[in-house]
Amino acid sequence: MNGRLREITPQDVDEYWAPSQFPEFIAATR
């Protein structure tokens, strides 16, 4: 999804990954 204007950081990955602790979130995105 990213372009060339900034690098993806570990915090970015953590924040987007965090809701996956909830099974209902995975279901909702599906």
mmCIF file of all heavy atoms, coordinates in Angstrom:
data_MODEL
# 
_entry.id   MODEL 
# 
loop_
_atom_site.group_PDB 
_atom_site.id 
_atom_site.type_symbol 
_atom_site.label_atom_id 
_atom_site.label_alt_id 
_atom_site.label_comp_id 
_atom_site.label_asym_id 
_atom_site.label_entity_id 
_atom_site.label_seq_id 
_atom_site.pdbx_PDB_ins_code 
_atom_site.Cartn_x 
_atom_site.Cartn_y 
_atom_site.Cartn_z 
_atom_site.occupancy 
_atom_site.B_iso_or_equiv 
_atom_site.pdbx_formal_charge 
_atom_site.auth_seq_id 
_atom_site.auth_comp_id 
_atom_site.auth_asym_id 
_atom_site.auth_atom_id 
_atom_site.pdbx_PDB_model_num 
ATOM 1   N N   . MET A 1 1  ? 0.816   -1.216  0.000  1.00 0.00 ? 1  MET A N   1 
ATOM 2   C CA  . MET A 1 1  ? 0.000   0.000   0.000  1.00 0.00 ? 1  MET A CA  1 
ATOM 3   C C   . MET A 1 1  ? 0.849   1.265   0.000  1.00 0.00 ? 1  MET A C   1 
ATOM 4   O O   . MET A 1 1  ? 0.397   2.326   -0.417 1.00 0.00 ? 1  MET A O   1 
ATOM 5   C CB  . MET A 1 1  ? -0.928  0.020   1.220  1.00 0.00 ? 1  MET A CB  1 
ATOM 6   C CG  . MET A 1 1  ? -2.016  -1.028  1.193  1.00 0.00 ? 1  MET A CG  1 
ATOM 7   S SD  . MET A 1 1  ? -3.303  -0.709  2.428  1.00 0.00 ? 1  MET A SD  1 
ATOM 8   C CE  . MET A 1 1  ? -2.337  -0.630  3.924  1.00 0.00 ? 1  MET A CE  1 
ATOM 9   N N   . ASN A 1 2  ? 2.076   1.175   0.485  1.00 0.00 ? 2  ASN A N   1 
ATOM 10  C CA  . ASN A 1 2  ? 2.919   2.354   0.660  1.00 0.00 ? 2  ASN A CA  1 
ATOM 11  C C   . ASN A 1 2  ? 3.520   2.810   -0.660 1.00 0.00 ? 2  ASN A C   1 
ATOM 12  O O   . ASN A 1 2  ? 3.732   2.015   -1.579 1.00 0.00 ? 2  ASN A O   1 
ATOM 13  C CB  . ASN A 1 2  ? 4.043   2.026   1.655  1.00 0.00 ? 2  ASN A CB  1 
ATOM 14  C CG  . ASN A 1 2  ? 4.503   3.245   2.412  1.00 0.00 ? 2  ASN A CG  1 
ATOM 15  O OD1 . ASN A 1 2  ? 3.690   4.037   2.863  1.00 0.00 ? 2  ASN A OD1 1 
ATOM 16  N ND2 . ASN A 1 2  ? 5.801   3.405   2.565  1.00 0.00 ? 2  ASN A ND2 1 
ATOM 17  N N   . GLY A 1 3  ? 3.816   4.106   -0.731 1.00 0.00 ? 3  GLY A N   1 
ATOM 18  C CA  . GLY A 1 3  ? 4.519   4.664   -1.869 1.00 0.00 ? 3  GLY A CA  1 
ATOM 19  C C   . GLY A 1 3  ? 5.998   4.802   -1.557 1.00 0.00 ? 3  GLY A C   1 
ATOM 20  O O   . GLY A 1 3  ? 6.600   3.939   -0.908 1.00 0.00 ? 3  GLY A O   1 
ATOM 21  N N   . ARG A 1 4  ? 6.564   5.936   -1.944 1.00 0.00 ? 4  ARG A N   1 
ATOM 22  C CA  . ARG A 1 4  ? 8.009   6.152   -1.776 1.00 0.00 ? 4  ARG A CA  1 
ATOM 23  C C   . ARG A 1 4  ? 8.349   7.285   -0.827 1.00 0.00 ? 4  ARG A C   1 
ATOM 24  O O   . ARG A 1 4  ? 9.508   7.692   -0.736 1.00 0.00 ? 4  ARG A O   1 
ATOM 25  C CB  . ARG A 1 4  ? 8.648   6.438   -3.133 1.00 0.00 ? 4  ARG A CB  1 
ATOM 26  C CG  . ARG A 1 4  ? 8.609   5.260   -4.097 1.00 0.00 ? 4  ARG A CG  1 
ATOM 27  C CD  . ARG A 1 4  ? 9.271   5.626   -5.414 1.00 0.00 ? 4  ARG A CD  1 
ATOM 28  N NE  . ARG A 1 4  ? 9.357   4.471   -6.305 1.00 0.00 ? 4  ARG A NE  1 
ATOM 29  C CZ  . ARG A 1 4  ? 9.842   4.539   -7.555 1.00 0.00 ? 4  ARG A CZ  1 
ATOM 30  N NH1 . ARG A 1 4  ? 10.253  5.699   -8.043 1.00 0.00 ? 4  ARG A NH1 1 
ATOM 31  N NH2 . ARG A 1 4  ? 9.886   3.447   -8.303 1.00 0.00 ? 4  ARG A NH2 1 
ATOM 32  N N   . LEU A 1 5  ? 7.365   7.801   -0.111 1.00 0.00 ? 5  LEU A N   1 
ATOM 33  C CA  . LEU A 1 5  ? 7.603   9.004   0.682  1.00 0.00 ? 5  LEU A CA  1 
ATOM 34  C C   . LEU A 1 5  ? 7.981   8.716   2.132  1.00 0.00 ? 5  LEU A C   1 
ATOM 35  O O   . LEU A 1 5  ? 8.452   9.607   2.823  1.00 0.00 ? 5  LEU A O   1 
ATOM 36  C CB  . LEU A 1 5  ? 6.369   9.910   0.643  1.00 0.00 ? 5  LEU A CB  1 
ATOM 37  C CG  . LEU A 1 5  ? 5.949   10.385  -0.752 1.00 0.00 ? 5  LEU A CG  1 
ATOM 38  C CD1 . LEU A 1 5  ? 4.774   11.338  -0.652 1.00 0.00 ? 5  LEU A CD1 1 
ATOM 39  C CD2 . LEU A 1 5  ? 7.109   11.056  -1.480 1.00 0.00 ? 5  LEU A CD2 1 
ATOM 40  N N   . ARG A 1 6  ? 7.758   7.511   2.618  1.00 0.00 ? 6  ARG A N   1 
ATOM 41  C CA  . ARG A 1 6  ? 8.179   7.158   3.968  1.00 0.00 ? 6  ARG A CA  1 
ATOM 42  C C   . ARG A 1 6  ? 8.347   5.647   4.073  1.00 0.00 ? 6  ARG A C   1 
ATOM 43  O O   . ARG A 1 6  ? 7.795   4.896   3.267  1.00 0.00 ? 6  ARG A O   1 
ATOM 44  C CB  . ARG A 1 6  ? 7.174   7.638   5.023  1.00 0.00 ? 6  ARG A CB  1 
ATOM 45  C CG  . ARG A 1 6  ? 5.859   6.899   5.021  1.00 0.00 ? 6  ARG A CG  1 
ATOM 46  C CD  . ARG A 1 6  ? 4.888   7.428   6.083  1.00 0.00 ? 6  ARG A CD  1 
ATOM 47  N NE  . ARG A 1 6  ? 5.305   7.068   7.418  1.00 0.00 ? 6  ARG A NE  1 
ATOM 48  C CZ  . ARG A 1 6  ? 4.936   5.965   8.050  1.00 0.00 ? 6  ARG A CZ  1 
ATOM 49  N NH1 . ARG A 1 6  ? 4.141   5.090   7.452  1.00 0.00 ? 6  ARG A NH1 1 
ATOM 50  N NH2 . ARG A 1 6  ? 5.343   5.732   9.279  1.00 0.00 ? 6  ARG A NH2 1 
ATOM 51  N N   . GLU A 1 7  ? 9.128   5.236   5.065  1.00 0.00 ? 7  GLU A N   1 
ATOM 52  C CA  . GLU A 1 7  ? 9.357   3.819   5.305  1.00 0.00 ? 7  GLU A CA  1 
ATOM 53  C C   . GLU A 1 7  ? 8.337   3.288   6.313  1.00 0.00 ? 7  GLU A C   1 
ATOM 54  O O   . GLU A 1 7  ? 7.942   3.990   7.235  1.00 0.00 ? 7  GLU A O   1 
ATOM 55  C CB  . GLU A 1 7  ? 10.769  3.596   5.843  1.00 0.00 ? 7  GLU A CB  1 
ATOM 56  C CG  . GLU A 1 7  ? 11.886  3.961   4.871  1.00 0.00 ? 7  GLU A CG  1 
ATOM 57  C CD  . GLU A 1 7  ? 11.913  3.056   3.647  1.00 0.00 ? 7  GLU A CD  1 
ATOM 58  O OE1 . GLU A 1 7  ? 11.589  1.849   3.799  1.00 0.00 ? 7  GLU A OE1 1 
ATOM 59  O OE2 . GLU A 1 7  ? 12.239  3.554   2.561  1.00 0.00 ? 7  GLU A OE2 1 
ATOM 60  N N   . ILE A 1 8  ? 7.919   2.054   6.127  1.00 0.00 ? 8  ILE A N   1 
ATOM 61  C CA  . ILE A 1 8  ? 7.065   1.384   7.110  1.00 0.00 ? 8  ILE A CA  1 
ATOM 62  C C   . ILE A 1 8  ? 7.897   1.107   8.357  1.00 0.00 ? 8  ILE A C   1 
ATOM 63  O O   . ILE A 1 8  ? 9.024   0.606   8.266  1.00 0.00 ? 8  ILE A O   1 
ATOM 64  C CB  . ILE A 1 8  ? 6.506   0.073   6.539  1.00 0.00 ? 8  ILE A CB  1 
ATOM 65  C CG1 . ILE A 1 8  ? 5.639   0.348   5.308  1.00 0.00 ? 8  ILE A CG1 1 
ATOM 66  C CG2 . ILE A 1 8  ? 5.705   -0.678  7.601  1.00 0.00 ? 8  ILE A CG2 1 
ATOM 67  C CD1 . ILE A 1 8  ? 4.430   1.197   5.578  1.00 0.00 ? 8  ILE A CD1 1 
ATOM 68  N N   . THR A 1 9  ? 7.361   1.434   9.524  1.00 0.00 ? 9  THR A N   1 
ATOM 69  C CA  . THR A 1 9  ? 8.079   1.251   10.777 1.00 0.00 ? 9  THR A CA  1 
ATOM 70  C C   . THR A 1 9  ? 7.539   0.035   11.538 1.00 0.00 ? 9  THR A C   1 
ATOM 71  O O   . THR A 1 9  ? 6.407   -0.404  11.307 1.00 0.00 ? 9  THR A O   1 
ATOM 72  C CB  . THR A 1 9  ? 7.947   2.486   11.669 1.00 0.00 ? 9  THR A CB  1 
ATOM 73  O OG1 . THR A 1 9  ? 6.578   2.594   12.120 1.00 0.00 ? 9  THR A OG1 1 
ATOM 74  C CG2 . THR A 1 9  ? 8.337   3.754   10.917 1.00 0.00 ? 9  THR A CG2 1 
ATOM 75  N N   . PRO A 1 10 ? 8.327   -0.491  12.484 1.00 0.00 ? 10 PRO A N   1 
ATOM 76  C CA  . PRO A 1 10 ? 7.815   -1.572  13.320 1.00 0.00 ? 10 PRO A CA  1 
ATOM 77  C C   . PRO A 1 10 ? 6.540   -1.189  14.072 1.00 0.00 ? 10 PRO A C   1 
ATOM 78  O O   . PRO A 1 10 ? 5.659   -2.027  14.272 1.00 0.00 ? 10 PRO A O   1 
ATOM 79  C CB  . PRO A 1 10 ? 8.973   -1.860  14.279 1.00 0.00 ? 10 PRO A CB  1 
ATOM 80  C CG  . PRO A 1 10 ? 10.199  -1.455  13.511 1.00 0.00 ? 10 PRO A CG  1 
ATOM 81  C CD  . PRO A 1 10 ? 9.775   -0.254  12.721 1.00 0.00 ? 10 PRO A CD  1 
ATOM 82  N N   . GLN A 1 11 ? 6.439   0.098   14.474 1.00 0.00 ? 11 GLN A N   1 
ATOM 83  C CA  . GLN A 1 11 ? 5.225   0.524   15.164 1.00 0.00 ? 11 GLN A CA  1 
ATOM 84  C C   . GLN A 1 11 ? 4.019   0.457   14.234 1.00 0.00 ? 11 GLN A C   1 
ATOM 85  O O   . GLN A 1 11 ? 2.918   0.074   14.658 1.00 0.00 ? 11 GLN A O   1 
ATOM 86  C CB  . GLN A 1 11 ? 5.370   1.942   15.712 1.00 0.00 ? 11 GLN A CB  1 
ATOM 87  C CG  . GLN A 1 11 ? 4.135   2.388   16.506 1.00 0.00 ? 11 GLN A CG  1 
ATOM 88  C CD  . GLN A 1 11 ? 4.227   3.810   17.018 1.00 0.00 ? 11 GLN A CD  1 
ATOM 89  O OE1 . GLN A 1 11 ? 5.188   4.532   16.727 1.00 0.00 ? 11 GLN A OE1 1 
ATOM 90  N NE2 . GLN A 1 11 ? 3.233   4.226   17.788 1.00 0.00 ? 11 GLN A NE2 1 
ATOM 91  N N   . ASP A 1 12 ? 4.211   0.819   12.963 1.00 0.00 ? 12 ASP A N   1 
ATOM 92  C CA  . ASP A 1 12 ? 3.117   0.707   11.998 1.00 0.00 ? 12 ASP A CA  1 
ATOM 93  C C   . ASP A 1 12 ? 2.600   -0.727  11.946 1.00 0.00 ? 12 ASP A C   1 
ATOM 94  O O   . ASP A 1 12 ? 1.389   -0.976  12.013 1.00 0.00 ? 12 ASP A O   1 
ATOM 95  C CB  . ASP A 1 12 ? 3.592   1.101   10.594 1.00 0.00 ? 12 ASP A CB  1 
ATOM 96  C CG  . ASP A 1 12 ? 3.983   2.556   10.471 1.00 0.00 ? 12 ASP A CG  1 
ATOM 97  O OD1 . ASP A 1 12 ? 3.478   3.370   11.263 1.00 0.00 ? 12 ASP A OD1 1 
ATOM 98  O OD2 . ASP A 1 12 ? 4.783   2.874   9.578  1.00 0.00 ? 12 ASP A OD2 1 
ATOM 99  N N   . VAL A 1 13 ? 3.519   -1.658  11.828 1.00 0.00 ? 13 VAL A N   1 
ATOM 100 C CA  . VAL A 1 13 ? 3.130   -3.068  11.732 1.00 0.00 ? 13 VAL A CA  1 
ATOM 101 C C   . VAL A 1 13 ? 2.408   -3.504  13.004 1.00 0.00 ? 13 VAL A C   1 
ATOM 102 O O   . VAL A 1 13 ? 1.370   -4.173  12.947 1.00 0.00 ? 13 VAL A O   1 
ATOM 103 C CB  . VAL A 1 13 ? 4.365   -3.946  11.469 1.00 0.00 ? 13 VAL A CB  1 
ATOM 104 C CG1 . VAL A 1 13 ? 3.966   -5.422  11.394 1.00 0.00 ? 13 VAL A CG1 1 
ATOM 105 C CG2 . VAL A 1 13 ? 5.061   -3.526  10.178 1.00 0.00 ? 13 VAL A CG2 1 
ATOM 106 N N   . ASP A 1 14 ? 2.928   -3.106  14.159 1.00 0.00 ? 14 ASP A N   1 
ATOM 107 C CA  . ASP A 1 14 ? 2.309   -3.491  15.428 1.00 0.00 ? 14 ASP A CA  1 
ATOM 108 C C   . ASP A 1 14 ? 0.891   -2.955  15.544 1.00 0.00 ? 14 ASP A C   1 
ATOM 109 O O   . ASP A 1 14 ? -0.021  -3.662  15.996 1.00 0.00 ? 14 ASP A O   1 
ATOM 110 C CB  . ASP A 1 14 ? 3.145   -2.980  16.605 1.00 0.00 ? 14 ASP A CB  1 
ATOM 111 C CG  . ASP A 1 14 ? 4.433   -3.768  16.788 1.00 0.00 ? 14 ASP A CG  1 
ATOM 112 O OD1 . ASP A 1 14 ? 4.531   -4.881  16.243 1.00 0.00 ? 14 ASP A OD1 1 
ATOM 113 O OD2 . ASP A 1 14 ? 5.347   -3.264  17.469 1.00 0.00 ? 14 ASP A OD2 1 
ATOM 114 N N   . GLU A 1 15 ? 0.684   -1.693  15.149 1.00 0.00 ? 15 GLU A N   1 
ATOM 115 C CA  . GLU A 1 15 ? -0.634  -1.076  15.293 1.00 0.00 ? 15 GLU A CA  1 
ATOM 116 C C   . GLU A 1 15 ? -1.667  -1.718  14.369 1.00 0.00 ? 15 GLU A C   1 
ATOM 117 O O   . GLU A 1 15 ? -2.826  -1.892  14.743 1.00 0.00 ? 15 GLU A O   1 
ATOM 118 C CB  . GLU A 1 15 ? -0.551  0.434   15.030 1.00 0.00 ? 15 GLU A CB  1 
ATOM 119 C CG  . GLU A 1 15 ? 0.170   1.223   16.111 1.00 0.00 ? 15 GLU A CG  1 
ATOM 120 C CD  . GLU A 1 15 ? -0.692  1.437   17.349 1.00 0.00 ? 15 GLU A CD  1 
ATOM 121 O OE1 . GLU A 1 15 ? -1.897  1.110   17.314 1.00 0.00 ? 15 GLU A OE1 1 
ATOM 122 O OE2 . GLU A 1 15 ? -0.156  1.937   18.358 1.00 0.00 ? 15 GLU A OE2 1 
ATOM 123 N N   . TYR A 1 16 ? -1.262  -2.046  13.145 1.00 0.00 ? 16 TYR A N   1 
ATOM 124 C CA  . TYR A 1 16 ? -2.199  -2.692  12.227 1.00 0.00 ? 16 TYR A CA  1 
ATOM 125 C C   . TYR A 1 16 ? -2.439  -4.148  12.599 1.00 0.00 ? 16 TYR A C   1 
ATOM 126 O O   . TYR A 1 16 ? -3.502  -4.708  12.315 1.00 0.00 ? 16 TYR A O   1 
ATOM 127 C CB  . TYR A 1 16 ? -1.676  -2.603  10.787 1.00 0.00 ? 16 TYR A CB  1 
ATOM 128 C CG  . TYR A 1 16 ? -1.922  -1.267  10.130 1.00 0.00 ? 16 TYR A CG  1 
ATOM 129 C CD1 . TYR A 1 16 ? -0.987  -0.228  10.226 1.00 0.00 ? 16 TYR A CD1 1 
ATOM 130 C CD2 . TYR A 1 16 ? -3.094  -1.034  9.414  1.00 0.00 ? 16 TYR A CD2 1 
ATOM 131 C CE1 . TYR A 1 16 ? -1.211  0.999   9.623  1.00 0.00 ? 16 TYR A CE1 1 
ATOM 132 C CE2 . TYR A 1 16 ? -3.333  0.188   8.810  1.00 0.00 ? 16 TYR A CE2 1 
ATOM 133 C CZ  . TYR A 1 16 ? -2.388  1.197   8.914  1.00 0.00 ? 16 TYR A CZ  1 
ATOM 134 O OH  . TYR A 1 16 ? -2.619  2.416   8.332  1.00 0.00 ? 16 TYR A OH  1 
ATOM 135 N N   . TRP A 1 17 ? -1.472  -4.762  13.238 1.00 0.00 ? 17 TRP A N   1 
ATOM 136 C CA  . TRP A 1 17 ? -1.588  -6.158  13.630 1.00 0.00 ? 17 TRP A CA  1 
ATOM 137 C C   . TRP A 1 17 ? -2.374  -6.324  14.927 1.00 0.00 ? 17 TRP A C   1 
ATOM 138 O O   . TRP A 1 17 ? -3.040  -7.339  15.150 1.00 0.00 ? 17 TRP A O   1 
ATOM 139 C CB  . TRP A 1 17 ? -0.189  -6.765  13.784 1.00 0.00 ? 17 TRP A CB  1 
ATOM 140 C CG  . TRP A 1 17 ? -0.148  -8.226  14.036 1.00 0.00 ? 17 TRP A CG  1 
ATOM 141 C CD1 . TRP A 1 17 ? -0.905  -9.203  13.432 1.00 0.00 ? 17 TRP A CD1 1 
ATOM 142 C CD2 . TRP A 1 17 ? 0.708   -8.910  14.957 1.00 0.00 ? 17 TRP A CD2 1 
ATOM 143 N NE1 . TRP A 1 17 ? -0.566  -10.450 13.908 1.00 0.00 ? 17 TRP A NE1 1 
ATOM 144 C CE2 . TRP A 1 17 ? 0.429   -10.302 14.854 1.00 0.00 ? 17 TRP A CE2 1 
ATOM 145 C CE3 . TRP A 1 17 ? 1.695   -8.492  15.849 1.00 0.00 ? 17 TRP A CE3 1 
ATOM 146 C CZ2 . TRP A 1 17 ? 1.088   -11.262 15.618 1.00 0.00 ? 17 TRP A CZ2 1 
ATOM 147 C CZ3 . TRP A 1 17 ? 2.366   -9.451  16.600 1.00 0.00 ? 17 TRP A CZ3 1 
ATOM 148 C CH2 . TRP A 1 17 ? 2.050   -10.815 16.482 1.00 0.00 ? 17 TRP A CH2 1 
ATOM 149 N N   . ALA A 1 18 ? -2.328  -5.308  15.796 1.00 0.00 ? 18 ALA A N   1 
ATOM 150 C CA  . ALA A 1 18 ? -2.906  -5.417  17.145 1.00 0.00 ? 18 ALA A CA  1 
ATOM 151 C C   . ALA A 1 18 ? -4.362  -5.882  17.155 1.00 0.00 ? 18 ALA A C   1 
ATOM 152 O O   . ALA A 1 18 ? -4.722  -6.736  17.976 1.00 0.00 ? 18 ALA A O   1 
ATOM 153 C CB  . ALA A 1 18 ? -2.761  -4.091  17.884 1.00 0.00 ? 18 ALA A CB  1 
ATOM 154 N N   . PRO A 1 19 ? -5.249  -5.362  16.294 1.00 0.00 ? 19 PRO A N   1 
ATOM 155 C CA  . PRO A 1 19 ? -6.651  -5.802  16.374 1.00 0.00 ? 19 PRO A CA  1 
ATOM 156 C C   . PRO A 1 19 ? -6.863  -7.275  16.051 1.00 0.00 ? 19 PRO A C   1 
ATOM 157 O O   . PRO A 1 19 ? -7.929  -7.824  16.348 1.00 0.00 ? 19 PRO A O   1 
ATOM 158 C CB  . PRO A 1 19 ? -7.368  -4.905  15.350 1.00 0.00 ? 19 PRO A CB  1 
ATOM 159 C CG  . PRO A 1 19 ? -6.467  -3.728  15.185 1.00 0.00 ? 19 PRO A CG  1 
ATOM 160 C CD  . PRO A 1 19 ? -5.089  -4.261  15.334 1.00 0.00 ? 19 PRO A CD  1 
ATOM 161 N N   . SER A 1 20 ? -5.866  -7.929  15.434 1.00 0.00 ? 20 SER A N   1 
ATOM 162 C CA  . SER A 1 20 ? -6.037  -9.336  15.082 1.00 0.00 ? 20 SER A CA  1 
ATOM 163 C C   . SER A 1 20 ? -6.099  -10.234 16.309 1.00 0.00 ? 20 SER A C   1 
ATOM 164 O O   . SER A 1 20 ? -6.396  -11.428 16.188 1.00 0.00 ? 20 SER A O   1 
ATOM 165 C CB  . SER A 1 20 ? -4.900  -9.795  14.158 1.00 0.00 ? 20 SER A CB  1 
ATOM 166 O OG  . SER A 1 20 ? -3.651  -9.804  14.836 1.00 0.00 ? 20 SER A OG  1 
ATOM 167 N N   . GLN A 1 21 ? -5.840  -9.663  17.500 1.00 0.00 ? 21 GLN A N   1 
ATOM 168 C CA  . GLN A 1 21 ? -6.014  -10.434 18.733 1.00 0.00 ? 21 GLN A CA  1 
ATOM 169 C C   . GLN A 1 21 ? -7.494  -10.777 18.959 1.00 0.00 ? 21 GLN A C   1 
ATOM 170 O O   . GLN A 1 21 ? -7.807  -11.655 19.751 1.00 0.00 ? 21 GLN A O   1 
ATOM 171 C CB  . GLN A 1 21 ? -5.483  -9.636  19.926 1.00 0.00 ? 21 GLN A CB  1 
ATOM 172 C CG  . GLN A 1 21 ? -6.268  -8.359  20.224 1.00 0.00 ? 21 GLN A CG  1 
ATOM 173 C CD  . GLN A 1 21 ? -5.628  -7.496  21.287 1.00 0.00 ? 21 GLN A CD  1 
ATOM 174 O OE1 . GLN A 1 21 ? -5.672  -7.828  22.462 1.00 0.00 ? 21 GLN A OE1 1 
ATOM 175 N NE2 . GLN A 1 21 ? -5.013  -6.393  20.867 1.00 0.00 ? 21 GLN A NE2 1 
ATOM 176 N N   . PHE A 1 22 ? -8.386  -10.050 18.269 1.00 0.00 ? 22 PHE A N   1 
ATOM 177 C CA  . PHE A 1 22 ? -9.821  -10.286 18.402 1.00 0.00 ? 22 PHE A CA  1 
ATOM 178 C C   . PHE A 1 22 ? -10.309 -11.097 17.199 1.00 0.00 ? 22 PHE A C   1 
ATOM 179 O O   . PHE A 1 22 ? -10.281 -10.597 16.071 1.00 0.00 ? 22 PHE A O   1 
ATOM 180 C CB  . PHE A 1 22 ? -10.584 -8.962  18.463 1.00 0.00 ? 22 PHE A CB  1 
ATOM 181 C CG  . PHE A 1 22 ? -10.093 -8.023  19.527 1.00 0.00 ? 22 PHE A CG  1 
ATOM 182 C CD1 . PHE A 1 22 ? -9.420  -6.848  19.178 1.00 0.00 ? 22 PHE A CD1 1 
ATOM 183 C CD2 . PHE A 1 22 ? -10.286 -8.300  20.867 1.00 0.00 ? 22 PHE A CD2 1 
ATOM 184 C CE1 . PHE A 1 22 ? -8.966  -5.978  20.155 1.00 0.00 ? 22 PHE A CE1 1 
ATOM 185 C CE2 . PHE A 1 22 ? -9.829  -7.434  21.851 1.00 0.00 ? 22 PHE A CE2 1 
ATOM 186 C CZ  . PHE A 1 22 ? -9.162  -6.271  21.493 1.00 0.00 ? 22 PHE A CZ  1 
ATOM 187 N N   . PRO A 1 23 ? -10.772 -12.318 17.399 1.00 0.00 ? 23 PRO A N   1 
ATOM 188 C CA  . PRO A 1 23 ? -11.274 -13.113 16.262 1.00 0.00 ? 23 PRO A CA  1 
ATOM 189 C C   . PRO A 1 23 ? -12.389 -12.399 15.499 1.00 0.00 ? 23 PRO A C   1 
ATOM 190 O O   . PRO A 1 23 ? -12.512 -12.560 14.281 1.00 0.00 ? 23 PRO A O   1 
ATOM 191 C CB  . PRO A 1 23 ? -11.793 -14.389 16.935 1.00 0.00 ? 23 PRO A CB  1 
ATOM 192 C CG  . PRO A 1 23 ? -11.053 -14.484 18.230 1.00 0.00 ? 23 PRO A CG  1 
ATOM 193 C CD  . PRO A 1 23 ? -10.835 -13.059 18.664 1.00 0.00 ? 23 PRO A CD  1 
ATOM 194 N N   . GLU A 1 24 ? -13.180 -11.591 16.214 1.00 0.00 ? 24 GLU A N   1 
ATOM 195 C CA  . GLU A 1 24 ? -14.291 -10.884 15.556 1.00 0.00 ? 24 GLU A CA  1 
ATOM 196 C C   . GLU A 1 24 ? -13.776 -9.849  14.550 1.00 0.00 ? 24 GLU A C   1 
ATOM 197 O O   . GLU A 1 24 ? -14.468 -9.533  13.572 1.00 0.00 ? 24 GLU A O   1 
ATOM 198 C CB  . GLU A 1 24 ? -15.169 -10.199 16.602 1.00 0.00 ? 24 GLU A CB  1 
ATOM 199 C CG  . GLU A 1 24 ? -15.819 -11.146 17.593 1.00 0.00 ? 24 GLU A CG  1 
ATOM 200 C CD  . GLU A 1 24 ? -14.922 -11.485 18.779 1.00 0.00 ? 24 GLU A CD  1 
ATOM 201 O OE1 . GLU A 1 24 ? -13.752 -11.025 18.805 1.00 0.00 ? 24 GLU A OE1 1 
ATOM 202 O OE2 . GLU A 1 24 ? -15.383 -12.214 19.672 1.00 0.00 ? 24 GLU A OE2 1 
ATOM 203 N N   . PHE A 1 25 ? -12.593 -9.298  14.788 1.00 0.00 ? 25 PHE A N   1 
ATOM 204 C CA  . PHE A 1 25 ? -12.005 -8.352  13.842 1.00 0.00 ? 25 PHE A CA  1 
ATOM 205 C C   . PHE A 1 25 ? -11.649 -9.054  12.540 1.00 0.00 ? 25 PHE A C   1 
ATOM 206 O O   . PHE A 1 25 ? -11.922 -8.541  11.445 1.00 0.00 ? 25 PHE A O   1 
ATOM 207 C CB  . PHE A 1 25 ? -10.758 -7.711  14.453 1.00 0.00 ? 25 PHE A CB  1 
ATOM 208 C CG  . PHE A 1 25 ? -9.890  -6.983  13.457 1.00 0.00 ? 25 PHE A CG  1 
ATOM 209 C CD1 . PHE A 1 25 ? -10.270 -5.753  12.945 1.00 0.00 ? 25 PHE A CD1 1 
ATOM 210 C CD2 . PHE A 1 25 ? -8.684  -7.534  13.026 1.00 0.00 ? 25 PHE A CD2 1 
ATOM 211 C CE1 . PHE A 1 25 ? -9.479  -5.078  12.020 1.00 0.00 ? 25 PHE A CE1 1 
ATOM 212 C CE2 . PHE A 1 25 ? -7.875  -6.877  12.108 1.00 0.00 ? 25 PHE A CE2 1 
ATOM 213 C CZ  . PHE A 1 25 ? -8.275  -5.647  11.598 1.00 0.00 ? 25 PHE A CZ  1 
ATOM 214 N N   . ILE A 1 26 ? -11.041 -10.220 12.646 1.00 0.00 ? 26 ILE A N   1 
ATOM 215 C CA  . ILE A 1 26 ? -10.703 -10.985 11.449 1.00 0.00 ? 26 ILE A CA  1 
ATOM 216 C C   . ILE A 1 26 ? -11.971 -11.302 10.662 1.00 0.00 ? 26 ILE A C   1 
ATOM 217 O O   . ILE A 1 26 ? -12.014 -11.171 9.431  1.00 0.00 ? 26 ILE A O   1 
ATOM 218 C CB  . ILE A 1 26 ? -9.970  -12.280 11.824 1.00 0.00 ? 26 ILE A CB  1 
ATOM 219 C CG1 . ILE A 1 26 ? -8.697  -11.977 12.624 1.00 0.00 ? 26 ILE A CG1 1 
ATOM 220 C CG2 . ILE A 1 26 ? -9.654  -13.087 10.578 1.00 0.00 ? 26 ILE A CG2 1 
ATOM 221 C CD1 . ILE A 1 26 ? -7.659  -11.222 11.873 1.00 0.00 ? 26 ILE A CD1 1 
ATOM 222 N N   . ALA A 1 27 ? -13.028 -11.698 11.373 1.00 0.00 ? 27 ALA A N   1 
ATOM 223 C CA  . ALA A 1 27 ? -14.290 -12.006 10.702 1.00 0.00 ? 27 ALA A CA  1 
ATOM 224 C C   . ALA A 1 27 ? -14.871 -10.766 10.030 1.00 0.00 ? 27 ALA A C   1 
ATOM 225 O O   . ALA A 1 27 ? -15.361 -10.830 8.893  1.00 0.00 ? 27 ALA A O   1 
ATOM 226 C CB  . ALA A 1 27 ? -15.283 -12.585 11.708 1.00 0.00 ? 27 ALA A CB  1 
ATOM 227 N N   . ALA A 1 28 ? -14.822 -9.630  10.722 1.00 0.00 ? 28 ALA A N   1 
ATOM 228 C CA  . ALA A 1 28 ? -15.391 -8.401  10.166 1.00 0.00 ? 28 ALA A CA  1 
ATOM 229 C C   . ALA A 1 28 ? -14.681 -7.984  8.886  1.00 0.00 ? 28 ALA A C   1 
ATOM 230 O O   . ALA A 1 28 ? -15.329 -7.569  7.908  1.00 0.00 ? 28 ALA A O   1 
ATOM 231 C CB  . ALA A 1 28 ? -15.320 -7.280  11.203 1.00 0.00 ? 28 ALA A CB  1 
ATOM 232 N N   . THR A 1 29 ? -13.353 -8.066  8.864  1.00 0.00 ? 29 THR A N   1 
ATOM 233 C CA  . THR A 1 29 ? -12.621 -7.679  7.656  1.00 0.00 ? 29 THR A CA  1 
ATOM 234 C C   . THR A 1 29 ? -12.933 -8.628  6.502  1.00 0.00 ? 29 THR A C   1 
ATOM 235 O O   . THR A 1 29 ? -13.048 -8.199  5.349  1.00 0.00 ? 29 THR A O   1 
ATOM 236 C CB  . THR A 1 29 ? -11.108 -7.647  7.924  1.00 0.00 ? 29 THR A CB  1 
ATOM 237 O OG1 . THR A 1 29 ? -10.676 -8.901  8.463  1.00 0.00 ? 29 THR A OG1 1 
ATOM 238 C CG2 . THR A 1 29 ? -10.753 -6.541  8.916  1.00 0.00 ? 29 THR A CG2 1 
ATOM 239 N N   . ARG A 1 30 ? -13.111 -9.912  6.830  1.00 0.00 ? 30 ARG A N   1 
ATOM 240 C CA  . ARG A 1 30 ? -13.518 -10.866 5.786  1.00 0.00 ? 30 ARG A CA  1 
ATOM 241 C C   . ARG A 1 30 ? -14.909 -10.530 5.274  1.00 0.00 ? 30 ARG A C   1 
ATOM 242 O O   . ARG A 1 30 ? -15.157 -10.516 4.059  1.00 0.00 ? 30 ARG A O   1 
ATOM 243 C CB  . ARG A 1 30 ? -13.468 -12.288 6.356  1.00 0.00 ? 30 ARG A CB  1 
ATOM 244 C CG  . ARG A 1 30 ? -13.885 -13.372 5.368  1.00 0.00 ? 30 ARG A CG  1 
ATOM 245 C CD  . ARG A 1 30 ? -15.364 -13.705 5.507  1.00 0.00 ? 30 ARG A CD  1 
ATOM 246 N NE  . ARG A 1 30 ? -15.818 -14.603 4.443  1.00 0.00 ? 30 ARG A NE  1 
ATOM 247 C CZ  . ARG A 1 30 ? -17.079 -14.686 4.034  1.00 0.00 ? 30 ARG A CZ  1 
ATOM 248 N NH1 . ARG A 1 30 ? -18.028 -13.934 4.580  1.00 0.00 ? 30 ARG A NH1 1 
ATOM 249 N NH2 . ARG A 1 30 ? -17.408 -15.509 3.057  1.00 0.00 ? 30 ARG A NH2 1 
# 
